[in-house]
C-alpha cells in the first residue's frame, strides 16, 4: 500500500499586499480521508484551496497532490473541484454543461455517454439534465457543479461550500452523496460553514483563523474532549453542592442548560429554588452513576440525568472566542 498522502502541504503561504491570504499552513490528508477545513469568513480557506487546485501560485512553502507538484498536469488530472462561486452557460442544458467539462478533461465520448446520465441521477438532477441552466434554481446549479466536479472520476474532490444554496433536504442528500464517495475511497477536502456537514462526514479537521491554522486534529477526539452531564435535582442547598465537590474532587456547579438541550424548557421549569440543574464534566459513565448515588444518599431527589457531548458549533465558537477576524471585505 502506497504511503504517499493525498495532500501534503508544508508551510504553504499566499501573501497579498493587503495582508490577506494564508501563511505557513502545514497539513497532511491521507488517501480516502474526508477532511474538514473550517474558519470564519475571510480566514483564507478559499485561498488555500485555490493554491492546492493550481488556480493561484503560493508565495512560500510547498505542497503536493498525490506526490505531484501543485499546478502540474499530473496533479490536475487527479482532482475534481467545486468552487464557491461558479457560473454556467445558461443557454446550455445541464447535460451539455457536464459534457463540456468532460471534453475539457479529454474524456472519450463512449465513456461520457455512460458516465454523464449516471452522474446527473446521482446528484439529484436526473431527467432535468435536459432543461436549460437558465431554468435551474441556485440549488440545482450547485448540484450541476457537483456533477461537473465528478465527471473525470477524481481521486480527490475539493468542495468549497457544497451545500450553501441547498435546503435542509438537499443538504442531507448531498451529504449522502459525499458519504458514498468517501466509501468508494475518494478523498474529500471540504470547506464549509455548515458545521454539521463536517461533524457528520469528516475524519479530521483544521480551523483557520486570519490565515493561520489555529487548531487541527481528529473530529471525534476534539469533540469528545468535553462531555457534560446535567442533573436536575430537588431538595438542593448550596451546602450540599460544597459537600459534593469536596467529597468527589470533581468540578460540579449550578448551570442552566441551553433551551432545548438536556430536555430543558424554560417555560416549564418550576419556580421552586430547591429544584436546580447541576453540571459536571466527567470522564466516563461510572462517575455519573456514582454521583447519582451520592445525591440520593444526601436526601436530594434526582429528576433527570442527561449527557451532552460538545457539538462542533460549540467547539468552533469556543475556539474563535476573543479573536479578531478579517471578515469578508477586508
C-alpha atoms as a PDB file:
ATOM      1  CA  UNK A   1       0.000   0.000   0.000  1.00  0.00           C
ATOM      2  CA  UNK A   2       1.380   3.407  -1.036  1.00  0.00           C
ATOM      3  CA  UNK A   3       2.311   5.778   1.776  1.00  0.00           C
ATOM      4  CA  UNK A   4       2.042   8.878  -0.442  1.00  0.00           C
ATOM      5  CA  UNK A   5      -0.605  11.192   1.080  1.00  0.00           C
ATOM      6  CA  UNK A   6      -3.417  12.655  -0.985  1.00  0.00           C
ATOM      7  CA  UNK A   7      -2.498  16.185   0.095  1.00  0.00           C
ATOM      8  CA  UNK A   8       0.778  17.218   1.679  1.00  0.00           C
ATOM      9  CA  UNK A   9       1.237  20.937   2.455  1.00  0.00           C
ATOM     10  CA  UNK A  10       4.285  22.320   4.226  1.00  0.00           C
ATOM     11  CA  UNK A  11       4.270  25.986   5.336  1.00  0.00           C
ATOM     12  CA  UNK A  12       2.127  26.860   2.310  1.00  0.00           C
ATOM     13  CA  UNK A  13       1.732  30.636   2.096  1.00  0.00           C
ATOM     14  CA  UNK A  14      -0.031  33.150  -0.116  1.00  0.00           C
ATOM     15  CA  UNK A  15       0.695  36.751   0.820  1.00  0.00           C
ATOM     16  CA  UNK A  16      -1.299  39.657  -0.586  1.00  0.00           C
ATOM     17  CA  UNK A  17      -0.400  43.360  -0.211  1.00  0.00           C
ATOM     18  CA  UNK A  18      -3.471  43.930   1.982  1.00  0.00           C
ATOM     19  CA  UNK A  19      -2.299  41.276   4.440  1.00  0.00           C
ATOM     20  CA  UNK A  20      -4.955  38.716   3.496  1.00  0.00           C
ATOM     21  CA  UNK A  21      -4.288  35.225   2.224  1.00  0.00           C
ATOM     22  CA  UNK A  22      -2.843  32.449   4.377  1.00  0.00           C
ATOM     23  CA  UNK A  23       0.525  31.713   5.921  1.00  0.00           C
ATOM     24  CA  UNK A  24       2.565  28.695   6.944  1.00  0.00           C
ATOM     25  CA  UNK A  25      -0.292  26.230   6.565  1.00  0.00           C
ATOM     26  CA  UNK A  26       1.017  22.734   7.205  1.00  0.00           C
ATOM     27  CA  UNK A  27      -1.290  19.733   6.992  1.00  0.00           C
ATOM     28  CA  UNK A  28      -1.494  16.240   5.536  1.00  0.00           C
ATOM     29  CA  UNK A  29      -4.597  14.478   4.255  1.00  0.00           C
ATOM     30  CA  UNK A  30      -4.485  10.717   3.749  1.00  0.00           C
ATOM     31  CA  UNK A  31      -5.964   8.849   0.819  1.00  0.00           C
ATOM     32  CA  UNK A  32      -9.640   8.116   1.278  1.00  0.00           C
ATOM     33  CA  UNK A  33      -9.956  10.587   4.152  1.00  0.00           C
ATOM     34  CA  UNK A  34     -12.643  13.263   4.500  1.00  0.00           C
ATOM     35  CA  UNK A  35     -11.016  16.441   5.810  1.00  0.00           C
ATOM     36  CA  UNK A  36     -12.943  19.478   7.046  1.00  0.00           C
ATOM     37  CA  UNK A  37     -11.457  22.947   6.642  1.00  0.00           C
ATOM     38  CA  UNK A  38     -13.200  25.464   8.893  1.00  0.00           C
ATOM     39  CA  UNK A  39     -12.833  29.137   9.633  1.00  0.00           C
ATOM     40  CA  UNK A  40     -14.679  32.455   9.787  1.00  0.00           C
ATOM     41  CA  UNK A  41     -15.338  34.407   6.593  1.00  0.00           C
ATOM     42  CA  UNK A  42     -12.113  35.910   5.284  1.00  0.00           C
ATOM     43  CA  UNK A  43      -9.910  33.431   7.130  1.00  0.00           C
ATOM     44  CA  UNK A  44      -8.123  32.350   3.928  1.00  0.00           C
ATOM     45  CA  UNK A  45      -9.799  28.977   3.324  1.00  0.00           C
ATOM     46  CA  UNK A  46     -10.615  29.547  -0.349  1.00  0.00           C
ATOM     47  CA  UNK A  47      -7.142  30.973  -0.978  1.00  0.00           C
ATOM     48  CA  UNK A  48      -5.610  27.784   0.388  1.00  0.00           C
ATOM     49  CA  UNK A  49      -7.834  25.559  -1.767  1.00  0.00           C
ATOM     50  CA  UNK A  50      -7.126  27.620  -4.889  1.00  0.00           C
ATOM     51  CA  UNK A  51      -3.418  27.000  -4.330  1.00  0.00           C
ATOM     52  CA  UNK A  52      -3.995  23.266  -3.968  1.00  0.00           C
ATOM     53  CA  UNK A  53      -6.005  23.006  -7.188  1.00  0.00           C
ATOM     54  CA  UNK A  54      -3.499  25.110  -9.122  1.00  0.00           C
ATOM     55  CA  UNK A  55      -5.545  28.274  -9.711  1.00  0.00           C
ATOM     56  CA  UNK A  56      -3.100  30.567  -7.892  1.00  0.00           C
ATOM     57  CA  UNK A  57       0.585  30.198  -7.068  1.00  0.00           C
ATOM     58  CA  UNK A  58       1.913  30.213  -3.495  1.00  0.00           C
ATOM     59  CA  UNK A  59       4.411  32.839  -2.382  1.00  0.00           C
ATOM     60  CA  UNK A  60       6.040  30.473   0.086  1.00  0.00           C
ATOM     61  CA  UNK A  61       6.203  26.859   1.187  1.00  0.00           C
ATOM     62  CA  UNK A  62       5.378  23.871  -0.954  1.00  0.00           C
ATOM     63  CA  UNK A  63       2.731  21.176  -1.377  1.00  0.00           C
ATOM     64  CA  UNK A  64       1.901  18.142  -3.464  1.00  0.00           C
ATOM     65  CA  UNK A  65      -1.194  16.304  -4.675  1.00  0.00           C
ATOM     66  CA  UNK A  66      -0.706  12.521  -4.609  1.00  0.00           C
ATOM     67  CA  UNK A  67       3.023  13.174  -4.860  1.00  0.00           C
ATOM     68  CA  UNK A  68       2.738  15.572  -7.827  1.00  0.00           C
ATOM     69  CA  UNK A  69       3.632  19.302  -7.639  1.00  0.00           C
ATOM     70  CA  UNK A  70       0.804  21.821  -7.364  1.00  0.00           C
ATOM     71  CA  UNK A  71      -0.434  23.017 -10.740  1.00  0.00           C
ATOM     72  CA  UNK A  72       1.147  20.151 -12.666  1.00  0.00           C
ATOM     73  CA  UNK A  73      -0.922  18.302 -15.264  1.00  0.00           C
ATOM     74  CA  UNK A  74      -0.443  15.091 -13.263  1.00  0.00           C
ATOM     75  CA  UNK A  75      -1.993  16.751 -10.189  1.00  0.00           C
ATOM     76  CA  UNK A  76      -4.863  18.343 -12.103  1.00  0.00           C
ATOM     77  CA  UNK A  77      -5.835  15.019 -13.654  1.00  0.00           C
ATOM     78  CA  UNK A  78      -6.398  13.580 -10.162  1.00  0.00           C
ATOM     79  CA  UNK A  79      -8.738  16.233  -8.772  1.00  0.00           C
ATOM     80  CA  UNK A  80     -12.304  17.498  -9.024  1.00  0.00           C
ATOM     81  CA  UNK A  81     -13.211  20.984  -7.817  1.00  0.00           C
ATOM     82  CA  UNK A  82     -16.492  22.711  -6.972  1.00  0.00           C
ATOM     83  CA  UNK A  83     -15.787  26.404  -6.247  1.00  0.00           C
ATOM     84  CA  UNK A  84     -17.966  28.500  -4.005  1.00  0.00           C
ATOM     85  CA  UNK A  85     -18.653  30.990  -6.809  1.00  0.00           C
ATOM     86  CA  UNK A  86     -19.496  29.420 -10.139  1.00  0.00           C
ATOM     87  CA  UNK A  87     -21.250  30.386 -13.360  1.00  0.00           C
ATOM     88  CA  UNK A  88     -22.537  28.052 -16.059  1.00  0.00           C
ATOM     89  CA  UNK A  89     -23.712  28.880 -19.572  1.00  0.00           C
ATOM     90  CA  UNK A  90     -27.431  29.408 -19.065  1.00  0.00           C
ATOM     91  CA  UNK A  91     -28.240  28.693 -22.735  1.00  0.00           C
ATOM     92  CA  UNK A  92     -26.921  25.127 -22.392  1.00  0.00           C
ATOM     93  CA  UNK A  93     -28.758  22.208 -20.852  1.00  0.00           C
ATOM     94  CA  UNK A  94     -27.397  20.684 -17.671  1.00  0.00           C
ATOM     95  CA  UNK A  95     -26.257  17.627 -19.605  1.00  0.00           C
ATOM     96  CA  UNK A  96     -24.447  19.826 -22.138  1.00  0.00           C
ATOM     97  CA  UNK A  97     -22.610  21.650 -19.340  1.00  0.00           C
ATOM     98  CA  UNK A  98     -21.342  18.375 -17.872  1.00  0.00           C
ATOM     99  CA  UNK A  99     -20.430  17.125 -21.362  1.00  0.00           C
ATOM    100  CA  UNK A 100     -18.417  20.322 -21.973  1.00  0.00           C
ATOM    101  CA  UNK A 101     -16.441  19.708 -18.771  1.00  0.00           C
ATOM    102  CA  UNK A 102     -15.899  16.105 -19.833  1.00  0.00           C
ATOM    103  CA  UNK A 103     -14.469  17.289 -23.167  1.00  0.00           C
ATOM    104  CA  UNK A 104     -12.133  19.689 -21.350  1.00  0.00           C
ATOM    105  CA  UNK A 105     -10.931  16.670 -19.359  1.00  0.00           C
ATOM    106  CA  UNK A 106     -10.396  14.785 -22.666  1.00  0.00           C
ATOM    107  CA  UNK A 107     -12.766  12.003 -21.672  1.00  0.00           C
ATOM    108  CA  UNK A 108     -13.651   9.709 -24.606  1.00  0.00           C
ATOM    109  CA  UNK A 109     -17.211  10.059 -25.945  1.00  0.00           C
ATOM    110  CA  UNK A 110     -18.047   6.432 -25.202  1.00  0.00           C
ATOM    111  CA  UNK A 111     -17.145   6.992 -21.527  1.00  0.00           C
ATOM    112  CA  UNK A 112     -19.106  10.275 -21.414  1.00  0.00           C
ATOM    113  CA  UNK A 113     -22.235   8.619 -22.763  1.00  0.00           C
ATOM    114  CA  UNK A 114     -22.200   6.106 -19.926  1.00  0.00           C
ATOM    115  CA  UNK A 115     -20.952   8.326 -17.101  1.00  0.00           C
ATOM    116  CA  UNK A 116     -22.952  11.555 -17.519  1.00  0.00           C
ATOM    117  CA  UNK A 117     -26.514  10.143 -17.142  1.00  0.00           C
ATOM    118  CA  UNK A 118     -25.355   8.271 -14.038  1.00  0.00           C
ATOM    119  CA  UNK A 119     -23.805  11.432 -12.564  1.00  0.00           C
ATOM    120  CA  UNK A 120     -26.920  13.527 -13.204  1.00  0.00           C
ATOM    121  CA  UNK A 121     -29.004  10.884 -11.473  1.00  0.00           C
ATOM    122  CA  UNK A 122     -26.585  10.613  -8.552  1.00  0.00           C
ATOM    123  CA  UNK A 123     -26.584  14.352  -7.783  1.00  0.00           C
ATOM    124  CA  UNK A 124     -30.378  14.588  -7.976  1.00  0.00           C
ATOM    125  CA  UNK A 125     -30.824  16.283 -11.377  1.00  0.00           C
ATOM    126  CA  UNK A 126     -31.978  13.236 -13.325  1.00  0.00           C
ATOM    127  CA  UNK A 127     -34.096  13.994 -16.389  1.00  0.00           C
ATOM    128  CA  UNK A 128     -33.908  17.700 -15.667  1.00  0.00           C
ATOM    129  CA  UNK A 129     -30.488  17.463 -17.229  1.00  0.00           C
ATOM    130  CA  UNK A 130     -32.368  18.085 -20.482  1.00  0.00           C
ATOM    131  CA  UNK A 131     -33.533  21.529 -19.250  1.00  0.00           C
ATOM    132  CA  UNK A 132     -31.539  24.688 -19.887  1.00  0.00           C
ATOM    133  CA  UNK A 133     -29.486  26.011 -16.980  1.00  0.00           C
ATOM    134  CA  UNK A 134     -31.411  29.320 -17.030  1.00  0.00           C
ATOM    135  CA  UNK A 135     -34.379  27.384 -15.634  1.00  0.00           C
ATOM    136  CA  UNK A 136     -32.368  25.923 -12.731  1.00  0.00           C
ATOM    137  CA  UNK A 137     -32.633  27.183  -9.177  1.00  0.00           C
ATOM    138  CA  UNK A 138     -29.416  28.033  -7.360  1.00  0.00           C
ATOM    139  CA  UNK A 139     -29.605  24.694  -5.584  1.00  0.00           C
ATOM    140  CA  UNK A 140     -29.974  22.852  -8.900  1.00  0.00           C
ATOM    141  CA  UNK A 141     -26.960  24.719 -10.279  1.00  0.00           C
ATOM    142  CA  UNK A 142     -24.970  23.643  -7.242  1.00  0.00           C
ATOM    143  CA  UNK A 143     -25.915  20.016  -7.916  1.00  0.00           C
ATOM    144  CA  UNK A 144     -24.834  20.559 -11.511  1.00  0.00           C
ATOM    145  CA  UNK A 145     -21.488  21.862 -10.263  1.00  0.00           C
ATOM    146  CA  UNK A 146     -21.022  18.730  -8.206  1.00  0.00           C
ATOM    147  CA  UNK A 147     -21.646  16.592 -11.299  1.00  0.00           C
ATOM    148  CA  UNK A 148     -19.034  18.642 -13.206  1.00  0.00           C
ATOM    149  CA  UNK A 149     -16.527  18.155 -10.385  1.00  0.00           C
ATOM    150  CA  UNK A 150     -17.045  14.388 -10.551  1.00  0.00           C
ATOM    151  CA  UNK A 151     -17.054  13.968 -14.327  1.00  0.00           C
ATOM    152  CA  UNK A 152     -13.365  12.982 -14.554  1.00  0.00           C
ATOM    153  CA  UNK A 153     -13.760  10.359 -11.784  1.00  0.00           C
ATOM    154  CA  UNK A 154     -11.296  12.176  -9.485  1.00  0.00           C
ATOM    155  CA  UNK A 155      -9.266  10.666  -6.677  1.00  0.00           C
ATOM    156  CA  UNK A 156      -9.514  13.892  -4.660  1.00  0.00           C
ATOM    157  CA  UNK A 157     -12.609  16.089  -4.513  1.00  0.00           C
ATOM    158  CA  UNK A 158     -12.262  19.715  -3.377  1.00  0.00           C
ATOM    159  CA  UNK A 159     -15.560  21.267  -2.289  1.00  0.00           C
ATOM    160  CA  UNK A 160     -15.989  24.921  -1.337  1.00  0.00           C
ATOM    161  CA  UNK A 161     -19.333  25.324   0.457  1.00  0.00           C
ATOM    162  CA  UNK A 162     -21.081  22.498  -1.470  1.00  0.00           C
ATOM    163  CA  UNK A 163     -24.382  22.808   0.450  1.00  0.00           C
ATOM    164  CA  UNK A 164     -24.668  26.582   0.870  1.00  0.00           C
ATOM    165  CA  UNK A 165     -27.520  27.012  -1.648  1.00  0.00           C
ATOM    166  CA  UNK A 166     -29.477  23.907  -0.674  1.00  0.00           C
ATOM    167  CA  UNK A 167     -32.484  23.489   1.582  1.00  0.00           C
ATOM    168  CA  UNK A 168     -32.272  21.031   4.517  1.00  0.00           C
ATOM    169  CA  UNK A 169     -33.458  18.096   2.387  1.00  0.00           C
ATOM    170  CA  UNK A 170     -30.947  18.976  -0.336  1.00  0.00           C
ATOM    171  CA  UNK A 171     -28.129  19.237   2.215  1.00  0.00           C
ATOM    172  CA  UNK A 172     -28.977  15.807   3.577  1.00  0.00           C
ATOM    173  CA  UNK A 173     -28.997  14.355   0.042  1.00  0.00           C
ATOM    174  CA  UNK A 174     -25.627  15.916  -0.804  1.00  0.00           C
ATOM    175  CA  UNK A 175     -24.220  14.602   2.472  1.00  0.00           C
ATOM    176  CA  UNK A 176     -25.336  11.095   1.483  1.00  0.00           C
ATOM    177  CA  UNK A 177     -23.658  11.516  -1.915  1.00  0.00           C
ATOM    178  CA  UNK A 178     -20.410  12.579  -0.263  1.00  0.00           C
ATOM    179  CA  UNK A 179     -20.596   9.650   2.152  1.00  0.00           C
ATOM    180  CA  UNK A 180     -20.954   7.254  -0.788  1.00  0.00           C
ATOM    181  CA  UNK A 181     -17.955   8.868  -2.480  1.00  0.00           C
ATOM    182  CA  UNK A 182     -15.953   8.513   0.715  1.00  0.00           C
ATOM    183  CA  UNK A 183     -16.991   4.850   0.967  1.00  0.00           C
ATOM    184  CA  UNK A 184     -15.606   4.384  -2.548  1.00  0.00           C
ATOM    185  CA  UNK A 185     -12.218   5.652  -1.366  1.00  0.00           C
ATOM    186  CA  UNK A 186     -12.355   9.180  -2.806  1.00  0.00           C
ATOM    187  CA  UNK A 187     -10.505  11.753  -0.722  1.00  0.00           C
ATOM    188  CA  UNK A 188     -12.727  14.715   0.188  1.00  0.00           C
ATOM    189  CA  UNK A 189     -11.443  18.159   1.185  1.00  0.00           C
ATOM    190  CA  UNK A 190     -14.429  20.119   2.454  1.00  0.00           C
ATOM    191  CA  UNK A 191     -14.632  23.858   3.060  1.00  0.00           C
ATOM    192  CA  UNK A 192     -17.917  24.530   4.791  1.00  0.00           C
ATOM    193  CA  UNK A 193     -19.667  26.988   7.088  1.00  0.00           C
ATOM    194  CA  UNK A 194     -22.279  24.271   7.702  1.00  0.00           C
ATOM    195  CA  UNK A 195     -20.517  22.698  10.632  1.00  0.00           C
ATOM    196  CA  UNK A 196     -22.935  19.783  10.795  1.00  0.00           C
ATOM    197  CA  UNK A 197     -21.615  18.576   7.415  1.00  0.00           C
ATOM    198  CA  UNK A 198     -18.080  18.480   8.808  1.00  0.00           C
ATOM    199  CA  UNK A 199     -19.150  16.831  12.044  1.00  0.00           C
ATOM    200  CA  UNK A 200     -21.062  14.041  10.280  1.00  0.00           C
ATOM    201  CA  UNK A 201     -18.752  13.399   7.325  1.00  0.00           C
ATOM    202  CA  UNK A 202     -15.168  14.257   8.211  1.00  0.00           C
ATOM    203  CA  UNK A 203     -12.468  12.205   9.936  1.00  0.00           C
ATOM    204  CA  UNK A 204     -10.183  15.147  10.733  1.00  0.00           C
ATOM    205  CA  UNK A 205     -10.442  18.907  10.543  1.00  0.00           C
ATOM    206  CA  UNK A 206      -8.452  22.109  10.833  1.00  0.00           C
ATOM    207  CA  UNK A 207      -9.559  25.552  11.951  1.00  0.00           C
ATOM    208  CA  UNK A 208      -8.103  28.513  10.056  1.00  0.00           C
ATOM    209  CA  UNK A 209      -8.189  31.990  11.584  1.00  0.00           C
ATOM    210  CA  UNK A 210      -6.660  35.095   9.993  1.00  0.00           C
ATOM    211  CA  UNK A 211      -4.726  32.949   7.554  1.00  0.00           C
ATOM    212  CA  UNK A 212      -3.122  30.579  10.069  1.00  0.00           C
ATOM    213  CA  UNK A 213      -4.132  27.161  11.410  1.00  0.00           C
ATOM    214  CA  UNK A 214      -5.418  27.621  14.936  1.00  0.00           C
ATOM    215  CA  UNK A 215      -6.322  24.018  15.774  1.00  0.00           C
ATOM    216  CA  UNK A 216      -6.339  20.676  13.987  1.00  0.00           C
ATOM    217  CA  UNK A 217      -6.919  17.016  14.776  1.00  0.00           C
ATOM    218  CA  UNK A 218      -9.416  14.163  14.655  1.00  0.00           C
ATOM    219  CA  UNK A 219     -13.034  15.322  14.795  1.00  0.00           C
ATOM    220  CA  UNK A 220     -14.044  12.642  17.317  1.00  0.00           C
ATOM    221  CA  UNK A 221     -11.175  13.437  19.695  1.00  0.00           C
ATOM    222  CA  UNK A 222     -11.759  17.185  19.556  1.00  0.00           C
ATOM    223  CA  UNK A 223     -15.465  16.905  20.219  1.00  0.00           C
ATOM    224  CA  UNK A 224     -15.106  14.318  22.973  1.00  0.00           C
ATOM    225  CA  UNK A 225     -12.654  16.407  24.975  1.00  0.00           C
ATOM    226  CA  UNK A 226     -15.574  17.782  26.945  1.00  0.00           C
ATOM    227  CA  UNK A 227     -18.620  15.715  27.892  1.00  0.00           C
ATOM    228  CA  UNK A 228     -21.030  17.437  30.224  1.00  0.00           C
ATOM    229  CA  UNK A 229     -23.554  15.666  32.419  1.00  0.00           C
ATOM    230  CA  UNK A 230     -26.632  17.547  33.599  1.00  0.00           C
ATOM    231  CA  UNK A 231     -28.565  16.558  36.723  1.00  0.00           C
ATOM    232  CA  UNK A 232     -31.956  18.011  37.614  1.00  0.00           C
ATOM    233  CA  UNK A 233     -32.306  17.638  41.384  1.00  0.00           C
ATOM    234  CA  UNK A 234     -34.715  18.612  44.123  1.00  0.00           C
ATOM    235  CA  UNK A 235     -34.067  19.208  47.818  1.00  0.00           C
ATOM    236  CA  UNK A 236     -30.928  21.136  46.904  1.00  0.00           C
ATOM    237  CA  UNK A 237     -28.960  23.516  49.123  1.00  0.00           C
ATOM    238  CA  UNK A 238     -25.608  25.267  48.460  1.00  0.00           C
ATOM    239  CA  UNK A 239     -24.137  23.270  51.370  1.00  0.00           C
ATOM    240  CA  UNK A 240     -24.844  20.015  49.512  1.00  0.00           C
ATOM    241  CA  UNK A 241     -23.034  21.322  46.425  1.00  0.00           C
ATOM    242  CA  UNK A 242     -19.957  22.199  48.514  1.00  0.00           C
ATOM    243  CA  UNK A 243     -20.050  18.738  50.071  1.00  0.00           C
ATOM    244  CA  UNK A 244     -20.263  17.037  46.675  1.00  0.00           C
ATOM    245  CA  UNK A 245     -17.296  18.953  45.271  1.00  0.00           C
ATOM    246  CA  UNK A 246     -15.165  18.281  48.354  1.00  0.00           C
ATOM    247  CA  UNK A 247     -16.132  14.610  48.630  1.00  0.00           C
ATOM    248  CA  UNK A 248     -15.728  13.732  44.926  1.00  0.00           C
ATOM    249  CA  UNK A 249     -12.886  16.039  43.862  1.00  0.00           C
ATOM    250  CA  UNK A 250     -14.917  16.865  40.756  1.00  0.00           C
ATOM    251  CA  UNK A 251     -15.994  20.250  39.446  1.00  0.00           C
ATOM    252  CA  UNK A 252     -19.759  20.385  39.933  1.00  0.00           C
ATOM    253  CA  UNK A 253     -21.675  23.624  39.546  1.00  0.00           C
ATOM    254  CA  UNK A 254     -25.134  25.075  39.103  1.00  0.00           C
ATOM    255  CA  UNK A 255     -25.725  25.505  35.408  1.00  0.00           C
ATOM    256  CA  UNK A 256     -28.913  26.030  33.445  1.00  0.00           C
ATOM    257  CA  UNK A 257     -28.736  24.155  30.113  1.00  0.00           C
ATOM    258  CA  UNK A 258     -29.417  25.993  26.884  1.00  0.00           C
ATOM    259  CA  UNK A 259     -33.052  25.860  25.825  1.00  0.00           C
ATOM    260  CA  UNK A 260     -33.778  22.621  24.033  1.00  0.00           C
ATOM    261  CA  UNK A 261     -30.671  20.850  25.373  1.00  0.00           C
ATOM    262  CA  UNK A 262     -30.784  18.164  28.051  1.00  0.00           C
ATOM    263  CA  UNK A 263     -34.589  18.353  27.901  1.00  0.00           C
ATOM    264  CA  UNK A 264     -34.571  21.853  29.412  1.00  0.00           C
ATOM    265  CA  UNK A 265     -37.635  24.006  28.676  1.00  0.00           C
ATOM    266  CA  UNK A 266     -37.622  27.387  30.478  1.00  0.00           C
ATOM    267  CA  UNK A 267     -41.399  27.711  30.144  1.00  0.00           C
ATOM    268  CA  UNK A 268     -41.971  24.501  32.075  1.00  0.00           C
ATOM    269  CA  UNK A 269     -39.376  24.864  34.813  1.00  0.00           C
ATOM    270  CA  UNK A 270     -40.664  25.205  38.348  1.00  0.00           C
ATOM    271  CA  UNK A 271     -40.048  28.321  40.423  1.00  0.00           C
ATOM    272  CA  UNK A 272     -39.046  26.235  43.457  1.00  0.00           C
ATOM    273  CA  UNK A 273     -35.480  27.334  44.318  1.00  0.00           C
ATOM    274  CA  UNK A 274     -34.732  23.900  45.771  1.00  0.00           C
ATOM    275  CA  UNK A 275     -35.031  22.384  42.278  1.00  0.00           C
ATOM    276  CA  UNK A 276     -31.911  23.161  40.251  1.00  0.00           C
ATOM    277  CA  UNK A 277     -29.733  21.886  37.434  1.00  0.00           C
ATOM    278  CA  UNK A 278     -26.211  20.772  38.262  1.00  0.00           C
ATOM    279  CA  UNK A 279     -23.491  20.275  35.662  1.00  0.00           C
ATOM    280  CA  UNK A 280     -20.333  18.175  35.875  1.00  0.00           C
ATOM    281  CA  UNK A 281     -17.654  17.329  33.301  1.00  0.00           C
ATOM    282  CA  UNK A 282     -16.988  13.618  33.671  1.00  0.00           C
ATOM    283  CA  UNK A 283     -14.625  11.156  32.042  1.00  0.00           C
ATOM    284  CA  UNK A 284     -16.954   8.153  31.938  1.00  0.00           C
ATOM    285  CA  UNK A 285     -20.463   6.912  32.782  1.00  0.00           C
ATOM    286  CA  UNK A 286     -19.399   5.225  36.023  1.00  0.00           C
ATOM    287  CA  UNK A 287     -18.740   8.646  37.546  1.00  0.00           C
ATOM    288  CA  UNK A 288     -22.285   9.702  36.643  1.00  0.00           C
ATOM    289  CA  UNK A 289     -23.707   6.636  38.396  1.00  0.00           C
ATOM    290  CA  UNK A 290     -21.552   7.356  41.444  1.00  0.00           C
ATOM    291  CA  UNK A 291     -22.816  10.935  41.599  1.00  0.00           C
ATOM    292  CA  UNK A 292     -26.407   9.756  41.281  1.00  0.00           C
ATOM    293  CA  UNK A 293     -25.975   7.552  44.340  1.00  0.00           C
ATOM    294  CA  UNK A 294     -24.292  10.289  46.396  1.00  0.00           C
ATOM    295  CA  UNK A 295     -27.054  12.789  45.612  1.00  0.00           C
ATOM    296  CA  UNK A 296     -29.785  10.359  46.668  1.00  0.00           C
ATOM    297  CA  UNK A 297     -27.862   9.407  49.834  1.00  0.00           C
ATOM    298  CA  UNK A 298     -27.745  13.085  50.803  1.00  0.00           C
ATOM    299  CA  UNK A 299     -31.523  13.423  50.518  1.00  0.00           C
ATOM    300  CA  UNK A 300     -31.738  15.020  47.081  1.00  0.00           C
ATOM    301  CA  UNK A 301     -34.390  13.910  44.615  1.00  0.00           C
ATOM    302  CA  UNK A 302     -32.992  13.067  41.189  1.00  0.00           C
ATOM    303  CA  UNK A 303     -35.492  14.068  38.499  1.00  0.00           C
ATOM    304  CA  UNK A 304     -33.412  13.820  35.341  1.00  0.00           C
ATOM    305  CA  UNK A 305     -29.904  12.945  34.119  1.00  0.00           C
ATOM    306  CA  UNK A 306     -28.618  13.633  30.620  1.00  0.00           C
ATOM    307  CA  UNK A 307     -25.308  13.504  28.799  1.00  0.00           C
ATOM    308  CA  UNK A 308     -24.289  16.195  26.348  1.00  0.00           C
ATOM    309  CA  UNK A 309     -21.190  15.798  24.200  1.00  0.00           C
ATOM    310  CA  UNK A 310     -19.855  19.047  22.815  1.00  0.00           C
ATOM    311  CA  UNK A 311     -21.156  19.868  19.351  1.00  0.00           C
ATOM    312  CA  UNK A 312     -18.947  21.277  16.616  1.00  0.00           C
ATOM    313  CA  UNK A 313     -20.741  24.622  16.759  1.00  0.00           C
ATOM    314  CA  UNK A 314     -19.828  24.941  20.436  1.00  0.00           C
ATOM    315  CA  UNK A 315     -16.243  23.881  19.732  1.00  0.00           C
ATOM    316  CA  UNK A 316     -15.974  26.401  16.905  1.00  0.00           C
ATOM    317  CA  UNK A 317     -17.320  29.316  18.940  1.00  0.00           C
ATOM    318  CA  UNK A 318     -15.050  28.440  21.852  1.00  0.00           C
ATOM    319  CA  UNK A 319     -12.013  28.241  19.554  1.00  0.00           C
ATOM    320  CA  UNK A 320     -12.532  31.667  17.965  1.00  0.00           C
ATOM    321  CA  UNK A 321     -13.814  33.440  21.080  1.00  0.00           C
ATOM    322  CA  UNK A 322     -11.979  36.700  21.717  1.00  0.00           C
ATOM    323  CA  UNK A 323     -10.195  36.696  18.365  1.00  0.00           C
ATOM    324  CA  UNK A 324     -10.464  39.486  15.820  1.00  0.00           C
ATOM    325  CA  UNK A 325     -11.339  38.414  12.286  1.00  0.00           C
ATOM    326  CA  UNK A 326     -10.550  39.982   8.947  1.00  0.00           C
ATOM    327  CA  UNK A 327     -14.066  39.455   7.616  1.00  0.00           C
ATOM    328  CA  UNK A 328     -15.240  39.094   4.063  1.00  0.00           C
ATOM    329  CA  UNK A 329     -14.399  42.595   2.841  1.00  0.00           C
ATOM    330  CA  UNK A 330     -11.031  43.183   4.450  1.00  0.00           C
END
